[in-house]
Amino acid sequence: MTKAKLASWNRAKGFGFLSLSGEPKAKQLFVHVSDFSDKKLDPEKLVGHWFNYTLAKDKQGRPCAKRLSLVGAKPVFSGKSNDAGKRAGLSALAFFALLGALVLLQKLPIALLVFYCVVSVVTFALYALDKSAAQAGRWRVQEAKLHVFALMGGWPGAMLAQQVLRHKTQKQSFRWGYYCTVLVNIAALLYLLSPYGEPMLLQVNHALSSILP
C-alpha cells in the first residue's frame, strides 16, 4: 500500500482527491466515498490527513485509490457539530412545544400537530437514506423531494437531520432552497391561524382527520 494526503472532498458528490506528494498542486488521485475501509469516517473532516491506499483502476481504466485507511489514530474534532445538533434539537422541540400549546388553546387541531410530527420523522429518514446512498455510491434521494417534504411541514426533521447526520450542510443552493421551504411553511401556518385562514384550517383539519389514524 502507498501513502497520500486527502487534498479535497466534495460531500454532495461523494468523492475527492488524494495528493500524491502531499502538496496542494501535486498530481492527484481520484477516490470515492465507498473506497474507505472504515465506513464511519467523515472524509470532509479528514482533508489534510494521510491515508494508506491501494492503487487501482476504475471501469474506464483510469487510476484511482481503493481500500483507504487512515494513517495513525482518528483525530479528535471540536464539539461544534455536536453543539449545532443540540441547537437544532432544541429548535425543533421548541417549535413542537409551540404547536402543542396552540392545540391546548384550541387554536390548532391536534391532527395538524400529528401531521407535523409524522412528516418530520419521514423527512429525517429521507435524509438518512440519502446520506447512506451517497456513502455507498447508490442512487440518491432527489433534492426536490427533500424540499417538498420540508415544505409540507417536515422542516424541523430536516433541520435536525442536517446537523445530526452532517448532511446537506455545505451546498449553498440547497441550503437557500431549504430556508425558503421553512419560510413558506411558517407563513402558511400563520395564515391558518389568522381570521382569514379559519375556513381553510377547518378544511385542513377535516382532510387530515380522514387520513390520520
N, C-alpha and C. Protein backbone atom coordinates (compact mmCIF):
# COMPACT_ATOMS: atom_id res chain seq x y z
N MET A 1 0.83 -1.19 0.00
CA MET A 1 0.00 0.00 0.00
C MET A 1 0.87 1.25 0.00
N THR A 2 0.32 2.35 -0.51
CA THR A 2 1.03 3.62 -0.62
C THR A 2 0.34 4.65 0.25
N LYS A 3 1.06 5.69 0.62
CA LYS A 3 0.52 6.72 1.49
C LYS A 3 0.36 8.03 0.73
N ALA A 4 -0.78 8.73 0.96
CA ALA A 4 -1.02 10.02 0.32
C ALA A 4 -1.95 10.84 1.22
N LYS A 5 -1.99 12.14 0.97
CA LYS A 5 -2.81 13.05 1.78
C LYS A 5 -4.11 13.36 1.05
N LEU A 6 -5.22 13.36 1.80
CA LEU A 6 -6.51 13.74 1.21
C LEU A 6 -6.50 15.25 0.97
N ALA A 7 -6.53 15.65 -0.30
CA ALA A 7 -6.38 17.06 -0.65
C ALA A 7 -7.70 17.81 -0.70
N SER A 8 -8.78 17.14 -1.10
CA SER A 8 -10.07 17.82 -1.23
C SER A 8 -11.18 16.79 -1.15
N TRP A 9 -12.40 17.31 -0.82
CA TRP A 9 -13.55 16.41 -0.74
C TRP A 9 -14.82 17.14 -1.10
N ASN A 10 -15.65 16.52 -1.93
CA ASN A 10 -16.94 17.06 -2.33
C ASN A 10 -18.02 16.20 -1.68
N ARG A 11 -18.61 16.70 -0.58
CA ARG A 11 -19.59 15.92 0.16
C ARG A 11 -20.82 15.61 -0.69
N ALA A 12 -21.28 16.60 -1.47
CA ALA A 12 -22.50 16.44 -2.24
C ALA A 12 -22.37 15.31 -3.27
N LYS A 13 -21.19 15.16 -3.86
CA LYS A 13 -20.98 14.16 -4.91
C LYS A 13 -20.32 12.89 -4.39
N GLY A 14 -19.81 12.93 -3.16
CA GLY A 14 -19.26 11.72 -2.57
C GLY A 14 -17.91 11.28 -3.10
N PHE A 15 -17.09 12.23 -3.51
CA PHE A 15 -15.74 11.86 -3.95
C PHE A 15 -14.76 12.99 -3.64
N GLY A 16 -13.48 12.67 -3.76
CA GLY A 16 -12.44 13.67 -3.53
C GLY A 16 -11.16 13.24 -4.23
N PHE A 17 -10.05 13.87 -3.83
CA PHE A 17 -8.77 13.58 -4.48
C PHE A 17 -7.66 13.48 -3.45
N LEU A 18 -6.76 12.54 -3.68
CA LEU A 18 -5.56 12.41 -2.87
C LEU A 18 -4.42 13.16 -3.55
N SER A 19 -3.61 13.83 -2.76
CA SER A 19 -2.42 14.49 -3.28
C SER A 19 -1.24 13.54 -3.11
N LEU A 20 -0.65 13.12 -4.21
CA LEU A 20 0.36 12.06 -4.17
C LEU A 20 1.64 12.46 -3.46
N SER A 21 1.94 13.75 -3.42
CA SER A 21 3.15 14.19 -2.73
C SER A 21 2.84 14.99 -1.47
N GLY A 22 1.55 15.16 -1.20
CA GLY A 22 1.16 15.92 -0.03
C GLY A 22 1.02 17.40 -0.27
N GLU A 23 1.41 17.86 -1.46
CA GLU A 23 1.30 19.28 -1.79
C GLU A 23 -0.01 19.56 -2.51
N PRO A 24 -0.63 20.73 -2.28
CA PRO A 24 -1.93 21.04 -2.88
C PRO A 24 -1.96 20.96 -4.40
N LYS A 25 -0.88 21.37 -5.07
CA LYS A 25 -0.86 21.40 -6.52
C LYS A 25 -0.18 20.18 -7.13
N ALA A 26 0.06 19.16 -6.33
CA ALA A 26 0.71 17.95 -6.84
C ALA A 26 -0.28 17.12 -7.64
N LYS A 27 0.23 16.08 -8.28
CA LYS A 27 -0.61 15.17 -9.04
C LYS A 27 -1.61 14.53 -8.09
N GLN A 28 -2.88 14.45 -8.53
CA GLN A 28 -3.93 13.98 -7.63
C GLN A 28 -4.56 12.70 -8.15
N LEU A 29 -5.13 11.95 -7.20
CA LEU A 29 -5.71 10.64 -7.50
C LEU A 29 -7.15 10.62 -7.00
N PHE A 30 -8.05 10.17 -7.86
CA PHE A 30 -9.48 10.12 -7.53
C PHE A 30 -9.77 9.08 -6.46
N VAL A 31 -10.69 9.43 -5.54
CA VAL A 31 -11.13 8.47 -4.52
C VAL A 31 -12.62 8.66 -4.27
N HIS A 32 -13.35 7.56 -4.21
CA HIS A 32 -14.79 7.59 -3.96
C HIS A 32 -15.07 7.25 -2.51
N VAL A 33 -16.20 7.72 -1.99
CA VAL A 33 -16.54 7.51 -0.59
C VAL A 33 -16.66 6.03 -0.25
N SER A 34 -17.05 5.22 -1.22
CA SER A 34 -17.23 3.78 -0.96
C SER A 34 -15.90 3.05 -0.83
N ASP A 35 -14.77 3.72 -1.12
CA ASP A 35 -13.47 3.06 -1.11
C ASP A 35 -12.73 3.21 0.21
N PHE A 36 -13.36 3.86 1.22
CA PHE A 36 -12.75 3.93 2.55
C PHE A 36 -13.03 2.65 3.31
N SER A 37 -12.04 2.09 3.93
CA SER A 37 -12.21 0.84 4.68
C SER A 37 -13.12 1.04 5.88
N ASP A 38 -12.97 2.18 6.57
CA ASP A 38 -13.80 2.49 7.72
C ASP A 38 -14.97 3.36 7.25
N LYS A 39 -16.17 2.77 7.16
CA LYS A 39 -17.33 3.48 6.63
C LYS A 39 -17.84 4.56 7.58
N LYS A 40 -17.36 4.58 8.81
CA LYS A 40 -17.81 5.57 9.78
C LYS A 40 -17.05 6.90 9.66
N LEU A 41 -15.98 6.90 8.88
CA LEU A 41 -15.19 8.12 8.72
C LEU A 41 -15.96 9.17 7.93
N ASP A 42 -15.75 10.42 8.27
CA ASP A 42 -16.31 11.53 7.51
C ASP A 42 -15.16 12.17 6.73
N PRO A 43 -15.01 11.85 5.43
CA PRO A 43 -13.86 12.35 4.66
C PRO A 43 -13.73 13.87 4.66
N GLU A 44 -14.86 14.57 4.71
CA GLU A 44 -14.80 16.03 4.67
C GLU A 44 -14.03 16.58 5.86
N LYS A 45 -14.12 15.91 7.00
CA LYS A 45 -13.41 16.35 8.19
C LYS A 45 -11.95 15.90 8.20
N LEU A 46 -11.59 15.05 7.24
CA LEU A 46 -10.25 14.48 7.22
C LEU A 46 -9.38 15.01 6.09
N VAL A 47 -9.82 16.09 5.44
CA VAL A 47 -9.00 16.72 4.42
C VAL A 47 -7.71 17.22 5.08
N GLY A 48 -6.58 16.87 4.47
CA GLY A 48 -5.28 17.23 5.05
C GLY A 48 -4.64 16.11 5.83
N HIS A 49 -5.37 15.00 6.04
CA HIS A 49 -4.82 13.85 6.76
C HIS A 49 -4.29 12.81 5.77
N TRP A 50 -3.36 11.98 6.26
CA TRP A 50 -2.73 10.96 5.42
C TRP A 50 -3.50 9.65 5.47
N PHE A 51 -3.53 8.97 4.30
CA PHE A 51 -4.20 7.69 4.17
C PHE A 51 -3.29 6.69 3.46
N ASN A 52 -3.37 5.45 3.90
CA ASN A 52 -2.80 4.36 3.12
C ASN A 52 -3.83 3.94 2.08
N TYR A 53 -3.40 3.57 0.90
CA TYR A 53 -4.35 3.18 -0.14
C TYR A 53 -3.69 2.19 -1.10
N THR A 54 -4.55 1.53 -1.85
CA THR A 54 -4.10 0.62 -2.91
C THR A 54 -4.41 1.24 -4.26
N LEU A 55 -3.41 1.29 -5.12
CA LEU A 55 -3.62 1.86 -6.46
C LEU A 55 -4.39 0.88 -7.32
N ALA A 56 -5.45 1.38 -7.98
CA ALA A 56 -6.28 0.53 -8.83
C ALA A 56 -6.74 1.33 -10.04
N LYS A 57 -7.65 0.75 -10.81
CA LYS A 57 -8.21 1.43 -11.98
C LYS A 57 -9.73 1.32 -11.94
N ASP A 58 -10.41 2.40 -12.42
CA ASP A 58 -11.86 2.36 -12.45
C ASP A 58 -12.34 1.64 -13.71
N LYS A 59 -13.65 1.67 -13.96
CA LYS A 59 -14.21 0.96 -15.11
C LYS A 59 -13.73 1.51 -16.44
N GLN A 60 -13.32 2.77 -16.44
CA GLN A 60 -12.80 3.39 -17.67
C GLN A 60 -11.29 3.24 -17.82
N GLY A 61 -10.69 2.52 -16.88
CA GLY A 61 -9.25 2.28 -16.95
C GLY A 61 -8.41 3.41 -16.36
N ARG A 62 -9.05 4.36 -15.68
CA ARG A 62 -8.32 5.48 -15.09
C ARG A 62 -7.82 5.11 -13.70
N PRO A 63 -6.64 5.60 -13.31
CA PRO A 63 -6.10 5.28 -11.98
C PRO A 63 -6.96 5.89 -10.88
N CYS A 64 -7.13 5.15 -9.81
CA CYS A 64 -7.89 5.64 -8.66
C CYS A 64 -7.37 4.94 -7.40
N ALA A 65 -7.83 5.41 -6.25
CA ALA A 65 -7.40 4.83 -4.98
C ALA A 65 -8.49 3.94 -4.42
N LYS A 66 -8.08 2.80 -3.85
CA LYS A 66 -9.01 1.85 -3.24
C LYS A 66 -8.50 1.50 -1.84
N ARG A 67 -9.41 0.96 -1.01
CA ARG A 67 -9.07 0.44 0.32
C ARG A 67 -8.30 1.45 1.15
N LEU A 68 -8.86 2.65 1.27
CA LEU A 68 -8.19 3.69 2.04
C LEU A 68 -8.33 3.45 3.55
N SER A 69 -7.24 3.63 4.26
CA SER A 69 -7.26 3.53 5.72
C SER A 69 -6.48 4.70 6.29
N LEU A 70 -7.01 5.29 7.32
CA LEU A 70 -6.40 6.46 7.94
C LEU A 70 -5.08 6.09 8.60
N VAL A 71 -4.07 6.91 8.36
CA VAL A 71 -2.77 6.70 8.98
C VAL A 71 -2.80 7.27 10.39
N GLY A 72 -2.49 6.45 11.39
CA GLY A 72 -2.49 6.92 12.78
C GLY A 72 -3.87 6.87 13.38
N ALA A 73 -4.01 7.46 14.55
CA ALA A 73 -5.28 7.46 15.26
C ALA A 73 -6.24 8.44 14.62
N LYS A 74 -7.54 8.15 14.76
CA LYS A 74 -8.55 9.06 14.25
C LYS A 74 -8.50 10.37 15.04
N PRO A 75 -8.41 11.52 14.34
CA PRO A 75 -8.29 12.80 15.03
C PRO A 75 -9.54 13.15 15.82
N VAL A 76 -9.34 13.89 16.89
CA VAL A 76 -10.45 14.36 17.71
C VAL A 76 -10.86 15.74 17.25
N PHE A 77 -12.13 15.93 16.93
CA PHE A 77 -12.62 17.20 16.41
C PHE A 77 -13.28 17.99 17.52
N SER A 78 -13.48 19.25 17.26
CA SER A 78 -14.13 20.12 18.24
C SER A 78 -15.60 19.75 18.37
N GLY A 79 -16.26 20.27 19.37
CA GLY A 79 -17.65 19.94 19.61
C GLY A 79 -18.62 20.83 18.87
N LYS A 80 -18.16 21.55 17.82
CA LYS A 80 -19.06 22.46 17.12
C LYS A 80 -20.23 21.74 16.48
N SER A 81 -19.94 20.59 15.84
CA SER A 81 -21.03 19.86 15.19
C SER A 81 -22.03 19.35 16.22
N ASN A 82 -21.52 18.90 17.40
CA ASN A 82 -22.43 18.45 18.45
C ASN A 82 -23.28 19.60 18.95
N ASP A 83 -22.67 20.78 19.10
CA ASP A 83 -23.41 21.95 19.54
C ASP A 83 -24.50 22.32 18.54
N ALA A 84 -24.16 22.23 17.25
CA ALA A 84 -25.14 22.55 16.21
C ALA A 84 -26.30 21.56 16.26
N GLY A 85 -25.98 20.29 16.51
CA GLY A 85 -27.02 19.27 16.62
C GLY A 85 -27.93 19.54 17.82
N LYS A 86 -27.34 19.97 18.94
CA LYS A 86 -28.15 20.28 20.13
C LYS A 86 -29.05 21.48 19.86
N ARG A 87 -28.51 22.50 19.19
CA ARG A 87 -29.33 23.68 18.88
C ARG A 87 -30.48 23.31 17.96
N ALA A 88 -30.19 22.45 16.97
CA ALA A 88 -31.24 22.02 16.05
C ALA A 88 -32.32 21.24 16.80
N GLY A 89 -31.89 20.36 17.72
CA GLY A 89 -32.85 19.60 18.50
C GLY A 89 -33.71 20.48 19.39
N LEU A 90 -33.09 21.48 20.02
CA LEU A 90 -33.83 22.39 20.88
C LEU A 90 -34.81 23.25 20.06
N SER A 91 -34.37 23.67 18.86
CA SER A 91 -35.24 24.48 18.00
C SER A 91 -36.47 23.67 17.57
N ALA A 92 -36.22 22.41 17.16
CA ALA A 92 -37.34 21.55 16.75
C ALA A 92 -38.28 21.30 17.93
N LEU A 93 -37.69 21.06 19.10
CA LEU A 93 -38.51 20.81 20.29
C LEU A 93 -39.34 22.04 20.65
N ALA A 94 -38.73 23.23 20.54
CA ALA A 94 -39.45 24.47 20.84
C ALA A 94 -40.61 24.68 19.87
N PHE A 95 -40.39 24.35 18.59
CA PHE A 95 -41.46 24.51 17.60
C PHE A 95 -42.63 23.58 17.91
N PHE A 96 -42.31 22.33 18.24
CA PHE A 96 -43.39 21.38 18.55
C PHE A 96 -44.08 21.74 19.87
N ALA A 97 -43.32 22.31 20.80
CA ALA A 97 -43.94 22.77 22.05
C ALA A 97 -44.92 23.90 21.76
N LEU A 98 -44.54 24.78 20.83
CA LEU A 98 -45.43 25.87 20.44
C LEU A 98 -46.70 25.33 19.79
N LEU A 99 -46.53 24.35 18.91
CA LEU A 99 -47.69 23.73 18.28
C LEU A 99 -48.59 23.07 19.34
N GLY A 100 -47.94 22.40 20.31
CA GLY A 100 -48.71 21.77 21.36
C GLY A 100 -49.51 22.78 22.18
N ALA A 101 -48.88 23.92 22.46
CA ALA A 101 -49.58 24.98 23.20
C ALA A 101 -50.77 25.50 22.41
N LEU A 102 -50.59 25.66 21.10
CA LEU A 102 -51.68 26.13 20.25
C LEU A 102 -52.83 25.12 20.20
N VAL A 103 -52.48 23.85 20.27
CA VAL A 103 -53.51 22.81 20.31
C VAL A 103 -54.29 22.90 21.62
N LEU A 104 -53.56 23.07 22.73
CA LEU A 104 -54.22 23.18 24.03
C LEU A 104 -55.11 24.42 24.11
N LEU A 105 -54.70 25.47 23.42
CA LEU A 105 -55.50 26.70 23.40
C LEU A 105 -56.62 26.62 22.36
N GLN A 106 -56.70 25.47 21.69
CA GLN A 106 -57.72 25.23 20.66
C GLN A 106 -57.60 26.20 19.49
N LYS A 107 -56.35 26.60 19.22
CA LYS A 107 -56.08 27.42 18.05
C LYS A 107 -55.75 26.57 16.83
N LEU A 108 -55.24 25.35 17.10
CA LEU A 108 -54.91 24.40 16.04
C LEU A 108 -55.50 23.04 16.38
N PRO A 109 -55.90 22.27 15.38
CA PRO A 109 -56.39 20.91 15.64
C PRO A 109 -55.22 19.97 15.94
N ILE A 110 -55.46 18.98 16.76
CA ILE A 110 -54.40 18.04 17.11
C ILE A 110 -53.92 17.26 15.89
N ALA A 111 -54.79 17.11 14.90
CA ALA A 111 -54.41 16.39 13.67
C ALA A 111 -53.25 17.08 12.97
N LEU A 112 -53.19 18.41 13.04
CA LEU A 112 -52.11 19.14 12.39
C LEU A 112 -50.79 18.91 13.12
N LEU A 113 -50.84 18.85 14.45
CA LEU A 113 -49.64 18.55 15.23
C LEU A 113 -49.12 17.16 14.90
N VAL A 114 -50.02 16.20 14.84
CA VAL A 114 -49.62 14.82 14.49
C VAL A 114 -49.01 14.79 13.09
N PHE A 115 -49.62 15.54 12.16
CA PHE A 115 -49.11 15.57 10.79
C PHE A 115 -47.68 16.11 10.75
N TYR A 116 -47.41 17.20 11.47
CA TYR A 116 -46.06 17.76 11.53
C TYR A 116 -45.07 16.73 12.08
N CYS A 117 -45.46 16.02 13.11
CA CYS A 117 -44.58 15.02 13.70
C CYS A 117 -44.26 13.90 12.71
N VAL A 118 -45.31 13.39 12.05
CA VAL A 118 -45.12 12.28 11.11
C VAL A 118 -44.24 12.71 9.93
N VAL A 119 -44.52 13.87 9.36
CA VAL A 119 -43.75 14.32 8.19
C VAL A 119 -42.31 14.62 8.58
N SER A 120 -42.08 15.13 9.79
CA SER A 120 -40.71 15.40 10.24
C SER A 120 -39.91 14.10 10.38
N VAL A 121 -40.55 13.06 10.92
CA VAL A 121 -39.89 11.77 11.05
C VAL A 121 -39.56 11.19 9.67
N VAL A 122 -40.51 11.29 8.74
CA VAL A 122 -40.27 10.80 7.37
C VAL A 122 -39.15 11.59 6.71
N THR A 123 -39.13 12.89 6.90
CA THR A 123 -38.09 13.73 6.29
C THR A 123 -36.72 13.38 6.85
N PHE A 124 -36.62 13.18 8.16
CA PHE A 124 -35.35 12.77 8.77
C PHE A 124 -34.88 11.45 8.16
N ALA A 125 -35.82 10.51 7.98
CA ALA A 125 -35.48 9.21 7.40
C ALA A 125 -34.98 9.35 5.96
N LEU A 126 -35.57 10.28 5.20
CA LEU A 126 -35.14 10.51 3.83
C LEU A 126 -33.72 11.06 3.79
N TYR A 127 -33.40 11.96 4.70
CA TYR A 127 -32.03 12.49 4.78
C TYR A 127 -31.05 11.38 5.12
N ALA A 128 -31.43 10.53 6.07
CA ALA A 128 -30.56 9.42 6.45
C ALA A 128 -30.36 8.47 5.27
N LEU A 129 -31.42 8.21 4.52
CA LEU A 129 -31.33 7.35 3.35
C LEU A 129 -30.43 7.96 2.29
N ASP A 130 -30.54 9.28 2.09
CA ASP A 130 -29.72 9.95 1.09
C ASP A 130 -28.24 9.94 1.49
N LYS A 131 -27.96 10.15 2.76
CA LYS A 131 -26.57 10.12 3.22
C LYS A 131 -25.97 8.72 3.04
N SER A 132 -26.77 7.69 3.39
CA SER A 132 -26.31 6.33 3.22
C SER A 132 -26.04 6.01 1.75
N ALA A 133 -26.92 6.51 0.87
CA ALA A 133 -26.75 6.28 -0.57
C ALA A 133 -25.50 6.99 -1.09
N ALA A 134 -25.24 8.20 -0.58
CA ALA A 134 -24.06 8.94 -1.01
C ALA A 134 -22.78 8.22 -0.59
N GLN A 135 -22.76 7.65 0.60
CA GLN A 135 -21.58 6.96 1.09
C GLN A 135 -21.34 5.64 0.35
N ALA A 136 -22.43 5.01 -0.08
CA ALA A 136 -22.31 3.71 -0.75
C ALA A 136 -22.27 3.83 -2.27
N GLY A 137 -22.44 5.06 -2.78
CA GLY A 137 -22.42 5.25 -4.23
C GLY A 137 -23.69 4.79 -4.92
N ARG A 138 -24.82 4.73 -4.17
CA ARG A 138 -26.09 4.31 -4.78
C ARG A 138 -26.86 5.53 -5.27
N TRP A 139 -28.06 5.25 -5.86
CA TRP A 139 -28.91 6.34 -6.32
C TRP A 139 -29.35 7.19 -5.14
N ARG A 140 -29.28 8.51 -5.31
CA ARG A 140 -29.59 9.45 -4.23
C ARG A 140 -31.07 9.82 -4.21
N VAL A 141 -31.53 10.30 -3.06
CA VAL A 141 -32.87 10.88 -2.95
C VAL A 141 -32.84 12.25 -3.62
N GLN A 142 -33.79 12.52 -4.48
CA GLN A 142 -33.82 13.78 -5.20
C GLN A 142 -33.94 14.96 -4.23
N GLU A 143 -33.17 16.01 -4.50
CA GLU A 143 -33.22 17.19 -3.64
C GLU A 143 -34.61 17.80 -3.63
N ALA A 144 -35.29 17.76 -4.78
CA ALA A 144 -36.65 18.30 -4.86
C ALA A 144 -37.58 17.58 -3.89
N LYS A 145 -37.41 16.26 -3.74
CA LYS A 145 -38.24 15.50 -2.81
C LYS A 145 -37.97 15.92 -1.37
N LEU A 146 -36.70 16.16 -1.03
CA LEU A 146 -36.37 16.63 0.32
C LEU A 146 -37.01 17.98 0.59
N HIS A 147 -37.01 18.85 -0.41
CA HIS A 147 -37.62 20.18 -0.25
C HIS A 147 -39.14 20.07 -0.12
N VAL A 148 -39.75 19.18 -0.88
CA VAL A 148 -41.21 19.02 -0.83
C VAL A 148 -41.65 18.59 0.56
N PHE A 149 -40.94 17.62 1.14
CA PHE A 149 -41.30 17.15 2.48
C PHE A 149 -41.04 18.23 3.53
N ALA A 150 -39.98 19.01 3.35
CA ALA A 150 -39.73 20.12 4.27
C ALA A 150 -40.85 21.16 4.16
N LEU A 151 -41.28 21.43 2.94
CA LEU A 151 -42.36 22.40 2.71
C LEU A 151 -43.67 21.92 3.31
N MET A 152 -43.92 20.63 3.28
CA MET A 152 -45.16 20.07 3.81
C MET A 152 -45.24 20.19 5.33
N GLY A 153 -44.10 20.44 5.97
CA GLY A 153 -44.08 20.53 7.43
C GLY A 153 -42.97 19.72 8.06
N GLY A 154 -42.14 19.08 7.23
CA GLY A 154 -41.06 18.27 7.77
C GLY A 154 -39.76 19.02 7.98
N TRP A 155 -39.81 20.36 7.90
CA TRP A 155 -38.57 21.13 8.03
C TRP A 155 -37.90 20.97 9.39
N PRO A 156 -38.63 20.76 10.52
CA PRO A 156 -37.90 20.51 11.77
C PRO A 156 -37.08 19.22 11.70
N GLY A 157 -37.65 18.18 11.09
CA GLY A 157 -36.90 16.94 10.91
C GLY A 157 -35.72 17.12 9.99
N ALA A 158 -35.88 17.94 8.95
CA ALA A 158 -34.79 18.22 8.03
C ALA A 158 -33.67 18.98 8.74
N MET A 159 -34.04 19.96 9.55
CA MET A 159 -33.05 20.74 10.30
C MET A 159 -32.25 19.84 11.24
N LEU A 160 -32.95 18.95 11.92
CA LEU A 160 -32.28 18.03 12.84
C LEU A 160 -31.37 17.07 12.08
N ALA A 161 -31.84 16.57 10.94
CA ALA A 161 -31.05 15.63 10.15
C ALA A 161 -29.78 16.28 9.61
N GLN A 162 -29.89 17.52 9.15
CA GLN A 162 -28.73 18.21 8.60
C GLN A 162 -27.60 18.31 9.62
N GLN A 163 -27.94 18.58 10.87
CA GLN A 163 -26.92 18.77 11.89
C GLN A 163 -26.47 17.46 12.53
N VAL A 164 -27.41 16.59 12.83
CA VAL A 164 -27.06 15.32 13.47
C VAL A 164 -26.31 14.41 12.51
N LEU A 165 -26.78 14.34 11.26
CA LEU A 165 -26.16 13.47 10.27
C LEU A 165 -25.03 14.16 9.52
N ARG A 166 -24.89 15.49 9.72
CA ARG A 166 -23.90 16.29 8.98
C ARG A 166 -24.08 16.08 7.48
N HIS A 167 -25.31 16.30 7.03
CA HIS A 167 -25.65 16.06 5.63
C HIS A 167 -26.37 17.27 5.05
N LYS A 168 -26.03 17.64 3.82
CA LYS A 168 -26.64 18.76 3.11
C LYS A 168 -26.38 20.10 3.83
N THR A 169 -25.19 20.24 4.40
CA THR A 169 -24.87 21.48 5.11
C THR A 169 -23.88 22.36 4.35
N GLN A 170 -23.34 21.86 3.26
CA GLN A 170 -22.30 22.60 2.55
C GLN A 170 -22.79 23.24 1.24
N LYS A 171 -23.72 22.61 0.58
CA LYS A 171 -24.21 23.10 -0.72
C LYS A 171 -25.14 24.29 -0.51
N GLN A 172 -24.68 25.49 -0.87
CA GLN A 172 -25.42 26.70 -0.57
C GLN A 172 -26.76 26.78 -1.30
N SER A 173 -26.80 26.33 -2.55
CA SER A 173 -28.06 26.39 -3.29
C SER A 173 -29.13 25.54 -2.61
N PHE A 174 -28.73 24.39 -2.08
CA PHE A 174 -29.68 23.55 -1.36
C PHE A 174 -30.11 24.22 -0.07
N ARG A 175 -29.16 24.84 0.64
CA ARG A 175 -29.47 25.49 1.90
C ARG A 175 -30.48 26.62 1.71
N TRP A 176 -30.29 27.42 0.65
CA TRP A 176 -31.23 28.51 0.38
C TRP A 176 -32.62 27.96 0.05
N GLY A 177 -32.65 26.87 -0.70
CA GLY A 177 -33.92 26.24 -1.00
C GLY A 177 -34.62 25.76 0.26
N TYR A 178 -33.83 25.19 1.18
CA TYR A 178 -34.40 24.72 2.45
C TYR A 178 -34.95 25.89 3.26
N TYR A 179 -34.20 26.99 3.34
CA TYR A 179 -34.68 28.16 4.08
C TYR A 179 -36.00 28.68 3.51
N CYS A 180 -36.12 28.62 2.19
CA CYS A 180 -37.36 29.07 1.55
C CYS A 180 -38.54 28.19 1.96
N THR A 181 -38.31 26.88 2.05
CA THR A 181 -39.39 25.97 2.45
C THR A 181 -39.83 26.27 3.88
N VAL A 182 -38.88 26.61 4.75
CA VAL A 182 -39.22 26.93 6.14
C VAL A 182 -40.07 28.19 6.20
N LEU A 183 -39.64 29.23 5.47
CA LEU A 183 -40.37 30.50 5.48
C LEU A 183 -41.78 30.34 4.92
N VAL A 184 -41.90 29.61 3.81
CA VAL A 184 -43.22 29.42 3.19
C VAL A 184 -44.13 28.62 4.11
N ASN A 185 -43.58 27.58 4.76
CA ASN A 185 -44.40 26.76 5.64
C ASN A 185 -44.88 27.55 6.86
N ILE A 186 -43.98 28.33 7.45
CA ILE A 186 -44.37 29.14 8.61
C ILE A 186 -45.38 30.21 8.20
N ALA A 187 -45.18 30.80 7.02
CA ALA A 187 -46.15 31.80 6.54
C ALA A 187 -47.52 31.17 6.36
N ALA A 188 -47.56 29.97 5.82
CA ALA A 188 -48.84 29.26 5.64
C ALA A 188 -49.49 28.96 6.99
N LEU A 189 -48.67 28.57 7.98
CA LEU A 189 -49.20 28.28 9.31
C LEU A 189 -49.78 29.54 9.96
N LEU A 190 -49.08 30.67 9.81
CA LEU A 190 -49.58 31.93 10.35
C LEU A 190 -50.89 32.34 9.68
N TYR A 191 -50.99 32.07 8.39
CA TYR A 191 -52.23 32.38 7.68
C TYR A 191 -53.39 31.56 8.22
N LEU A 192 -53.13 30.27 8.48
CA LEU A 192 -54.18 29.40 9.02
C LEU A 192 -54.63 29.87 10.41
N LEU A 193 -53.70 30.49 11.14
CA LEU A 193 -54.03 30.97 12.48
C LEU A 193 -54.78 32.30 12.46
N SER A 194 -54.75 32.97 11.32
CA SER A 194 -55.42 34.27 11.21
C SER A 194 -56.91 34.08 10.95
N PRO A 195 -57.72 35.12 11.18
CA PRO A 195 -59.16 35.02 10.88
C PRO A 195 -59.43 34.68 9.42
N TYR A 196 -58.55 35.14 8.51
CA TYR A 196 -58.76 34.88 7.09
C TYR A 196 -58.57 33.40 6.74
N GLY A 197 -57.72 32.74 7.54
CA GLY A 197 -57.43 31.34 7.22
C GLY A 197 -58.27 30.34 7.96
N GLU A 198 -59.21 30.79 8.78
CA GLU A 198 -60.03 29.88 9.57
C GLU A 198 -60.82 28.89 8.72
N PRO A 199 -61.46 29.32 7.63
CA PRO A 199 -62.20 28.34 6.80
C PRO A 199 -61.26 27.27 6.22
N MET A 200 -60.08 27.70 5.80
CA MET A 200 -59.12 26.73 5.24
C MET A 200 -58.61 25.79 6.33
N LEU A 201 -58.42 26.31 7.55
CA LEU A 201 -57.97 25.47 8.66
C LEU A 201 -58.97 24.36 8.94
N LEU A 202 -60.26 24.68 8.85
CA LEU A 202 -61.30 23.67 9.05
C LEU A 202 -61.22 22.59 7.97
N GLN A 203 -60.93 23.02 6.73
CA GLN A 203 -60.80 22.06 5.64
C GLN A 203 -59.56 21.17 5.83
N VAL A 204 -58.47 21.79 6.28
CA VAL A 204 -57.24 21.03 6.54
C VAL A 204 -57.48 20.00 7.64
N ASN A 205 -58.15 20.43 8.71
CA ASN A 205 -58.44 19.52 9.81
C ASN A 205 -59.29 18.34 9.34
N HIS A 206 -60.29 18.62 8.53
CA HIS A 206 -61.15 17.55 8.01
C HIS A 206 -60.35 16.58 7.15
N ALA A 207 -59.47 17.13 6.29
CA ALA A 207 -58.68 16.28 5.40
C ALA A 207 -57.70 15.41 6.20
N LEU A 208 -57.02 16.01 7.18
CA LEU A 208 -56.05 15.26 7.98
C LEU A 208 -56.72 14.22 8.85
N SER A 209 -57.88 14.54 9.38
CA SER A 209 -58.61 13.61 10.24
C SER A 209 -59.04 12.37 9.48
N SER A 210 -59.22 12.54 8.16
CA SER A 210 -59.66 11.41 7.35
C SER A 210 -58.51 10.48 6.94
N ILE A 211 -57.26 10.99 7.00
CA ILE A 211 -56.13 10.16 6.58
C ILE A 211 -55.26 9.70 7.74
N LEU A 212 -55.32 10.43 8.87
CA LEU A 212 -54.52 10.03 10.02
C LEU A 212 -55.32 9.08 10.90
N PRO A 213 -54.62 8.13 11.56
CA PRO A 213 -55.32 7.16 12.41
C PRO A 213 -55.90 7.83 13.66
